Amino acid sequence: MSECSLFCQLGGEQQKMNTGRYYVGVDIGKKKCNVAIMDQSGLIDDEFTFTNNHAGIEWFSKKLTMDDKVVMESTGSFWTNLYNHLDSKHIPVTLANPLKTKAIAWARIKSDEVDARILAHLLRSDLIAESYVPPMDLREIRALIRHRLSIVKIRTMVKNKIHSLIDKNGIETELENNLFTKKGMEWLKSLQFQSSPLDRLMLDNYLEHLGSLRHQIKTVDQEILSKATEDEDVRLLLSLTGVSIYTALLLKSEIGDIKRFPNYKKLVSWAGLAPSMHQSGSVEYYGRITKQGSRMIRWIMVESARVAVNHDERLKSFYERIKYRRGDQKAIVATANKMLKIIWTMLTRREPYESRNEKSYEKKLNLIDE
């Protein structure tokens, strides 16, 4: 029996949900979702499953009202369609942080397994550790940025395969470090493998794949430019050394509204760039960064710091002081930490970077205004 026909058969009994606020826990799965509906007194009113597709989600949403509250965990990308659909219907929905929610569930309920019932219980008790979900426009930008990153990773993999093929045949060239420039590509296309014609076929396929990936990246970059043009935060972020248009849009899509961070320490901690702290009596010990937070922000800030220390005297001086005492890697991470503090100040005060290179900044702005 289909979900829709089951709902029609149950009729009025199922509609009892709509008489007041209910707390709805949804255990997300790839193919199906388990649901537990709890009333205001904490009693389970109903339990059922629905398929995690358009029809199933539409069926489920019709059982809810804007008075109900829904909670689900951020499991992979399986939650996205359901969240977007409920959000478009103005049904209150909370995205739970899986790790923190599991810890709270263990502390309160002594259960390792966080299912639909437990989610509903935690929601009713106001104990959900919520994950930040940006508005729809930022979610689309975030998806675009991450799509570009995935294409670039594939491109890197293809380039590595080409290098491996060259090494396998023992071929040496002065173009090794410039193999994918115009001159290098011409050399690759003219290359002959005397011992293995199959390697020539493989190289042709890799080169064709590489050309396709370059075209895809170019198309995505055009869309990124159009998104950047519309955003004032991106314009401010471009004033910081080491921040490209791609980086600025990534930062904006991941951070969202800067007002959700009351101070720079909260932003640094959320990014996982804050040093861990251990306390013994009155003595505090600081260790490695926590790495608990946004992996994307942590990665892009370290990449930006690598660029900034070569082109910004202020940040280079800071980097060199730390490097002298603690080495390169710790100095780069410390610089990334410092740059994130600067970003919080820029976005909060609505001011560009005070030590900016005006010529470089103007060049970046011209790119998005063309």
Protein backbone atom coordinates (compact mmCIF):
# COMPACT_ATOMS: atom_id res chain seq x y z
CA MET A 1 0.00 0.00 0.00
CA SER A 2 1.38 3.43 -0.93
CA GLU A 3 2.04 6.09 1.69
CA CYS A 4 -0.60 8.40 0.16
CA SER A 5 -3.34 5.73 0.19
CA LEU A 6 -2.42 4.78 3.76
CA PHE A 7 -2.80 8.38 4.81
CA CYS A 8 -6.25 8.62 3.16
CA GLN A 9 -7.37 5.38 4.83
CA LEU A 10 -6.37 6.52 8.30
CA GLY A 11 -8.23 9.77 7.64
CA GLY A 12 -9.36 11.73 10.67
CA GLU A 13 -7.23 9.83 13.18
CA GLN A 14 -4.04 11.03 11.49
CA GLN A 15 -5.33 14.61 11.49
CA LYS A 16 -5.25 14.75 15.29
CA MET A 17 -1.68 16.05 14.94
CA ASN A 18 -3.08 19.39 13.82
CA THR A 19 -4.87 20.24 17.09
CA GLY A 20 -1.77 21.80 18.73
CA ARG A 21 2.01 21.86 18.78
CA TYR A 22 3.81 18.57 18.30
CA TYR A 23 7.52 17.76 18.46
CA VAL A 24 8.54 15.71 15.44
CA GLY A 25 11.80 13.76 15.42
CA VAL A 26 13.02 12.52 12.02
CA ASP A 27 15.75 9.90 11.76
CA ILE A 28 17.10 10.51 8.25
CA GLY A 29 18.13 7.62 6.01
CA LYS A 30 19.21 7.45 2.39
CA LYS A 31 16.03 5.69 1.25
CA LYS A 32 13.60 6.10 4.12
CA CYS A 33 13.08 8.26 7.21
CA ASN A 34 11.69 7.18 10.57
CA VAL A 35 9.39 9.64 12.34
CA ALA A 36 8.33 9.95 15.98
CA ILE A 37 5.62 12.47 16.90
CA MET A 38 5.55 13.59 20.54
CA ASP A 39 2.84 15.68 22.16
CA GLN A 40 3.42 18.52 24.63
CA SER A 41 3.21 16.17 27.62
CA GLY A 42 6.03 13.97 26.28
CA LEU A 43 3.93 11.04 25.07
CA ILE A 44 4.52 9.47 21.65
CA ASP A 45 1.43 10.19 19.58
CA ASP A 46 2.44 8.42 16.37
CA GLU A 47 5.35 6.68 14.63
CA PHE A 48 5.77 5.88 10.94
CA THR A 49 8.22 5.93 8.03
CA PHE A 50 8.25 7.69 4.68
CA THR A 51 10.47 7.39 1.62
CA ASN A 52 13.20 10.01 1.31
CA ASN A 53 12.14 11.28 -2.11
CA HIS A 54 9.95 14.06 -3.48
CA ALA A 55 6.67 12.14 -3.14
CA GLY A 56 7.44 10.90 0.36
CA ILE A 57 8.57 14.32 1.58
CA GLU A 58 5.46 15.99 0.14
CA TRP A 59 3.26 13.40 1.85
CA PHE A 60 5.02 13.89 5.17
CA SER A 61 4.86 17.69 5.04
CA LYS A 62 1.07 17.59 4.60
CA LYS A 63 0.80 15.96 8.03
CA LEU A 64 2.42 18.99 9.67
CA THR A 65 1.34 22.53 10.50
CA MET A 66 3.33 25.69 11.16
CA ASP A 67 2.68 25.09 14.89
CA ASP A 68 4.68 21.86 14.86
CA LYS A 69 8.44 21.74 15.38
CA VAL A 70 10.64 19.30 13.47
CA VAL A 71 14.20 18.14 14.24
CA MET A 72 16.60 16.05 12.15
CA GLU A 73 20.31 15.31 12.19
CA SER A 74 22.71 16.64 9.54
CA THR A 75 23.49 13.18 8.14
CA GLY A 76 25.58 13.56 4.98
CA SER A 77 23.48 15.34 2.37
CA PHE A 78 20.37 13.19 2.92
CA TRP A 79 18.68 15.89 5.03
CA THR A 80 18.88 18.65 2.42
CA ASN A 81 15.73 18.02 0.37
CA LEU A 82 13.54 17.49 3.42
CA TYR A 83 14.92 20.57 5.17
CA ASN A 84 14.46 22.78 2.10
CA HIS A 85 10.90 21.55 1.56
CA LEU A 86 9.82 22.13 5.17
CA ASP A 87 11.57 25.50 5.22
CA SER A 88 9.68 26.57 2.08
CA LYS A 89 6.42 25.61 3.86
CA HIS A 90 7.43 27.78 6.86
CA ILE A 91 7.38 24.76 9.17
CA PRO A 92 9.91 25.29 12.00
CA VAL A 93 12.76 22.83 11.47
CA THR A 94 15.97 22.39 13.46
CA LEU A 95 19.12 20.73 12.14
CA ALA A 96 20.89 18.90 14.97
CA ASN A 97 24.67 18.56 15.26
CA PRO A 98 25.19 14.75 15.31
CA LEU A 99 28.25 14.65 17.62
CA LYS A 100 26.93 17.11 20.19
CA THR A 101 23.43 15.66 20.11
CA LYS A 102 24.82 12.16 20.73
CA ALA A 103 26.80 13.45 23.73
CA ILE A 104 23.71 15.15 25.18
CA ALA A 105 21.60 12.04 24.56
CA TRP A 106 24.13 9.91 26.43
CA ALA A 107 24.26 12.34 29.35
CA ARG A 108 20.47 12.64 29.64
CA ILE A 109 19.08 9.35 28.38
CA LYS A 110 22.10 6.98 28.56
CA SER A 111 21.67 5.97 24.93
CA ASP A 112 24.33 5.73 22.23
CA GLU A 113 21.73 5.51 19.47
CA VAL A 114 20.04 8.78 18.56
CA ASP A 115 16.76 7.77 16.90
CA ALA A 116 13.58 9.67 16.03
CA ARG A 117 12.13 9.26 19.56
CA ILE A 118 15.23 10.66 21.24
CA LEU A 119 15.39 13.58 18.81
CA ALA A 120 11.76 14.45 19.57
CA HIS A 121 12.43 14.20 23.31
CA LEU A 122 15.51 16.44 23.12
CA LEU A 123 13.62 18.98 21.00
CA ARG A 124 10.75 19.10 23.49
CA SER A 125 13.26 19.58 26.33
CA ASP A 126 15.10 22.31 24.38
CA LEU A 127 18.33 20.28 24.48
CA ILE A 128 19.14 20.11 20.76
CA ALA A 129 22.67 21.17 19.79
CA GLU A 130 21.75 23.03 16.63
CA SER A 131 23.81 23.20 13.43
CA TYR A 132 23.83 26.51 11.59
CA VAL A 133 21.90 26.46 8.32
CA PRO A 134 22.37 29.58 6.17
CA PRO A 135 19.53 31.12 4.13
CA MET A 136 18.67 29.51 0.80
CA ASP A 137 20.68 32.00 -1.29
CA LEU A 138 23.82 31.27 0.73
CA ARG A 139 23.16 27.53 0.58
CA GLU A 140 23.15 27.80 -3.21
CA ILE A 141 26.43 29.74 -3.20
CA ARG A 142 27.94 27.20 -0.81
CA ALA A 143 26.91 24.38 -3.16
CA LEU A 144 28.45 26.25 -6.11
CA ILE A 145 31.76 26.80 -4.29
CA ARG A 146 31.96 23.19 -3.17
CA HIS A 147 31.11 22.03 -6.69
CA ARG A 148 34.10 23.96 -8.02
CA LEU A 149 36.33 22.44 -5.35
CA SER A 150 35.25 18.92 -6.34
CA ILE A 151 36.06 19.62 -10.02
CA VAL A 152 39.49 20.99 -9.07
CA LYS A 153 40.21 17.84 -7.04
CA ILE A 154 39.37 15.67 -10.05
CA ARG A 155 41.60 17.86 -12.24
CA THR A 156 44.48 17.38 -9.80
CA MET A 157 43.93 13.62 -9.88
CA VAL A 158 44.05 13.59 -13.71
CA LYS A 159 47.25 15.69 -13.71
CA ASN A 160 48.85 13.24 -11.26
CA LYS A 161 47.94 10.34 -13.56
CA ILE A 162 49.65 12.12 -16.47
CA HIS A 163 52.78 12.69 -14.37
CA SER A 164 52.71 9.01 -13.38
CA LEU A 165 52.47 7.95 -17.03
CA ILE A 166 55.48 10.11 -17.95
CA ASP A 167 57.51 8.70 -15.05
CA LYS A 168 56.52 5.13 -15.91
CA ASN A 169 58.05 5.53 -19.39
CA GLY A 170 61.19 7.16 -18.00
CA ILE A 171 60.71 10.33 -20.04
CA GLU A 172 62.48 13.46 -18.84
CA THR A 173 61.64 17.02 -19.85
CA GLU A 174 62.55 20.56 -18.88
CA LEU A 175 58.80 21.27 -18.85
CA GLU A 176 58.15 18.98 -15.87
CA ASN A 177 57.11 21.89 -13.63
CA ASN A 178 55.17 23.56 -16.46
CA LEU A 179 53.61 20.51 -18.00
CA PHE A 180 50.12 21.99 -18.21
CA THR A 181 50.97 25.35 -19.74
CA LYS A 182 50.24 25.94 -23.43
CA LYS A 183 53.76 24.85 -24.39
CA GLY A 184 53.60 21.83 -22.08
CA MET A 185 50.26 20.69 -23.48
CA GLU A 186 51.63 20.87 -27.04
CA TRP A 187 54.57 18.70 -25.95
CA LEU A 188 52.21 16.15 -24.34
CA LYS A 189 50.08 15.94 -27.50
CA SER A 190 53.16 15.25 -29.64
CA LEU A 191 54.67 12.70 -27.26
CA GLN A 192 55.23 9.17 -28.56
CA PHE A 193 55.60 6.02 -26.44
CA GLN A 194 57.73 3.54 -28.36
CA SER A 195 57.25 0.61 -26.00
CA SER A 196 53.53 0.95 -25.25
CA PRO A 197 50.95 2.34 -27.72
CA LEU A 198 48.35 1.80 -24.98
CA ASP A 199 50.01 4.54 -22.90
CA ARG A 200 49.47 6.96 -25.79
CA LEU A 201 45.77 6.08 -25.78
CA MET A 202 45.58 6.62 -22.01
CA LEU A 203 47.37 9.96 -22.32
CA ASP A 204 44.93 11.10 -25.02
CA ASN A 205 42.02 10.22 -22.75
CA TYR A 206 43.58 12.09 -19.82
CA LEU A 207 44.20 15.17 -21.95
CA GLU A 208 40.62 15.10 -23.26
CA HIS A 209 39.34 14.78 -19.68
CA LEU A 210 41.57 17.64 -18.59
CA GLY A 211 40.19 19.87 -21.35
CA SER A 212 36.63 19.07 -20.28
CA LEU A 213 37.41 19.85 -16.63
CA ARG A 214 38.99 23.17 -17.56
CA HIS A 215 35.85 24.11 -19.46
CA GLN A 216 33.69 23.16 -16.48
CA ILE A 217 35.81 25.25 -14.10
CA LYS A 218 35.61 28.22 -16.48
CA THR A 219 31.80 27.95 -16.56
CA VAL A 220 31.58 27.71 -12.76
CA ASP A 221 33.98 30.66 -12.36
CA GLN A 222 31.69 32.82 -14.51
CA GLU A 223 28.79 32.00 -12.19
CA ILE A 224 30.97 32.72 -9.14
CA LEU A 225 31.83 36.15 -10.58
CA SER A 226 28.14 36.95 -11.05
CA LYS A 227 27.40 35.98 -7.43
CA ALA A 228 30.34 38.02 -6.10
CA THR A 229 29.17 41.17 -7.89
CA GLU A 230 26.02 41.29 -5.81
CA ASP A 231 27.63 40.93 -2.37
CA GLU A 232 29.04 43.80 -0.28
CA ASP A 233 30.71 41.40 2.19
CA VAL A 234 32.70 39.91 -0.68
CA ARG A 235 33.90 43.39 -1.68
CA LEU A 236 35.15 44.01 1.85
CA LEU A 237 36.86 40.62 2.09
CA LEU A 238 38.75 41.21 -1.16
CA SER A 239 40.70 43.99 0.53
CA LEU A 240 42.51 41.40 2.69
CA THR A 241 45.77 40.12 1.21
CA GLY A 242 45.57 36.47 0.18
CA VAL A 243 41.80 36.54 -0.39
CA SER A 244 40.68 35.92 -3.98
CA ILE A 245 37.15 36.21 -5.34
CA TYR A 246 36.69 32.46 -4.89
CA THR A 247 38.02 32.64 -1.31
CA ALA A 248 35.84 35.63 -0.43
CA LEU A 249 32.67 33.93 -1.66
CA LEU A 250 33.59 30.71 0.15
CA LEU A 251 34.13 32.66 3.39
CA LYS A 252 30.81 34.45 3.00
CA SER A 253 28.86 31.26 2.24
CA GLU A 254 30.38 29.37 5.18
CA ILE A 255 30.33 32.16 7.79
CA GLY A 256 26.93 33.59 6.87
CA ASP A 257 25.82 36.53 9.01
CA ILE A 258 28.81 37.74 11.03
CA LYS A 259 26.42 38.94 13.76
CA ARG A 260 25.95 35.36 14.91
CA PHE A 261 29.49 35.59 16.33
CA PRO A 262 29.47 38.11 19.25
CA ASN A 263 33.29 38.34 19.21
CA TYR A 264 36.22 37.15 17.11
CA LYS A 265 37.00 34.34 19.58
CA LYS A 266 33.68 32.68 18.74
CA LEU A 267 34.46 32.80 15.01
CA VAL A 268 37.98 31.40 15.49
CA SER A 269 36.66 28.64 17.74
CA TRP A 270 33.89 27.78 15.25
CA ALA A 271 36.52 27.44 12.51
CA GLY A 272 38.56 25.05 14.68
CA LEU A 273 41.59 27.38 14.61
CA ALA A 274 41.59 28.08 18.34
CA PRO A 275 44.33 26.36 20.38
CA SER A 276 43.15 23.64 22.76
CA MET A 277 43.50 24.53 26.44
CA HIS A 278 44.22 22.33 29.47
CA GLN A 279 44.10 23.65 33.00
CA SER A 280 45.94 22.32 36.04
CA GLY A 281 45.14 24.32 39.13
CA SER A 282 45.70 27.96 38.25
CA VAL A 283 48.01 27.16 35.32
CA GLU A 284 46.65 27.07 31.75
CA TYR A 285 48.37 25.07 29.02
CA TYR A 286 47.70 25.72 25.33
CA GLY A 287 48.17 22.96 22.78
CA ARG A 288 47.34 22.24 19.14
CA ILE A 289 44.30 23.74 17.45
CA THR A 290 41.04 21.93 18.21
CA LYS A 291 40.13 21.17 14.57
CA GLN A 292 36.53 21.01 15.79
CA GLY A 293 34.52 23.21 13.49
CA SER A 294 34.28 24.20 9.85
CA ARG A 295 36.80 22.16 7.88
CA MET A 296 36.26 24.33 4.80
CA ILE A 297 37.06 27.58 6.65
CA ARG A 298 40.12 26.02 8.27
CA TRP A 299 41.44 24.83 4.91
CA ILE A 300 40.84 28.07 3.01
CA MET A 301 42.33 30.23 5.78
CA VAL A 302 45.54 28.19 5.81
CA GLU A 303 45.74 28.45 2.00
CA SER A 304 45.15 32.21 2.18
CA ALA A 305 47.79 32.59 4.90
CA ARG A 306 50.36 30.92 2.63
CA VAL A 307 49.71 33.60 0.00
CA ALA A 308 49.45 36.50 2.45
CA VAL A 309 52.84 35.97 4.15
CA ASN A 310 54.53 36.47 0.77
CA HIS A 311 52.74 39.71 -0.14
CA ASP A 312 51.77 41.49 3.08
CA GLU A 313 54.51 43.00 5.25
CA ARG A 314 52.31 43.13 8.36
CA LEU A 315 51.34 39.46 8.15
CA LYS A 316 54.81 38.42 6.99
CA SER A 317 56.38 40.04 10.06
CA PHE A 318 53.91 38.22 12.33
CA TYR A 319 54.57 34.91 10.54
CA GLU A 320 58.37 35.28 10.78
CA ARG A 321 58.23 35.91 14.56
CA ILE A 322 56.22 32.76 15.16
CA LYS A 323 58.26 30.71 12.69
CA TYR A 324 61.53 31.61 14.50
CA ARG A 325 60.18 30.15 17.75
CA ARG A 326 57.82 27.36 16.66
CA GLY A 327 58.43 26.44 13.02
CA ASP A 328 56.68 26.99 9.70
CA GLN A 329 53.47 24.97 10.15
CA LYS A 330 52.55 26.48 13.51
CA ALA A 331 53.38 29.95 12.16
CA ILE A 332 51.04 29.48 9.18
CA VAL A 333 48.21 28.27 11.41
CA ALA A 334 48.78 31.23 13.75
CA THR A 335 48.66 33.56 10.73
CA ALA A 336 45.40 31.95 9.56
CA ASN A 337 44.03 32.52 13.08
CA LYS A 338 45.07 36.18 12.96
CA MET A 339 43.56 36.68 9.51
CA LEU A 340 40.23 35.28 10.72
CA LYS A 341 40.27 37.81 13.58
CA ILE A 342 40.87 40.56 11.01
CA ILE A 343 37.97 39.24 8.93
CA TRP A 344 35.63 39.40 11.94
CA THR A 345 36.67 43.02 12.56
CA MET A 346 36.25 43.99 8.89
CA LEU A 347 32.77 42.49 8.58
CA THR A 348 31.61 43.77 11.98
CA ARG A 349 32.83 47.34 11.50
CA ARG A 350 32.06 47.33 7.76
CA GLU A 351 35.59 48.52 7.02
CA PRO A 352 38.16 47.22 4.48
CA TYR A 353 41.53 45.88 5.60
CA GLU A 354 43.59 48.83 6.87
CA SER A 355 46.92 47.51 5.52
CA ARG A 356 45.52 46.68 2.10
CA ASN A 357 47.41 47.03 -1.15
CA GLU A 358 45.23 49.56 -2.98
CA LYS A 359 46.44 48.54 -6.42
CA SER A 360 45.77 44.84 -5.82
CA TYR A 361 42.40 45.60 -4.20
CA GLU A 362 41.29 47.74 -7.12
CA LYS A 363 42.30 44.99 -9.56
CA LYS A 364 40.11 42.46 -7.72
CA LEU A 365 37.15 44.84 -7.69
CA ASN A 366 37.54 45.47 -11.40
CA LEU A 367 37.27 41.71 -12.06
CA ILE A 368 33.83 41.48 -10.46
CA ASP A 369 32.63 44.76 -11.97
CA GLU A 370 33.46 43.89 -15.58
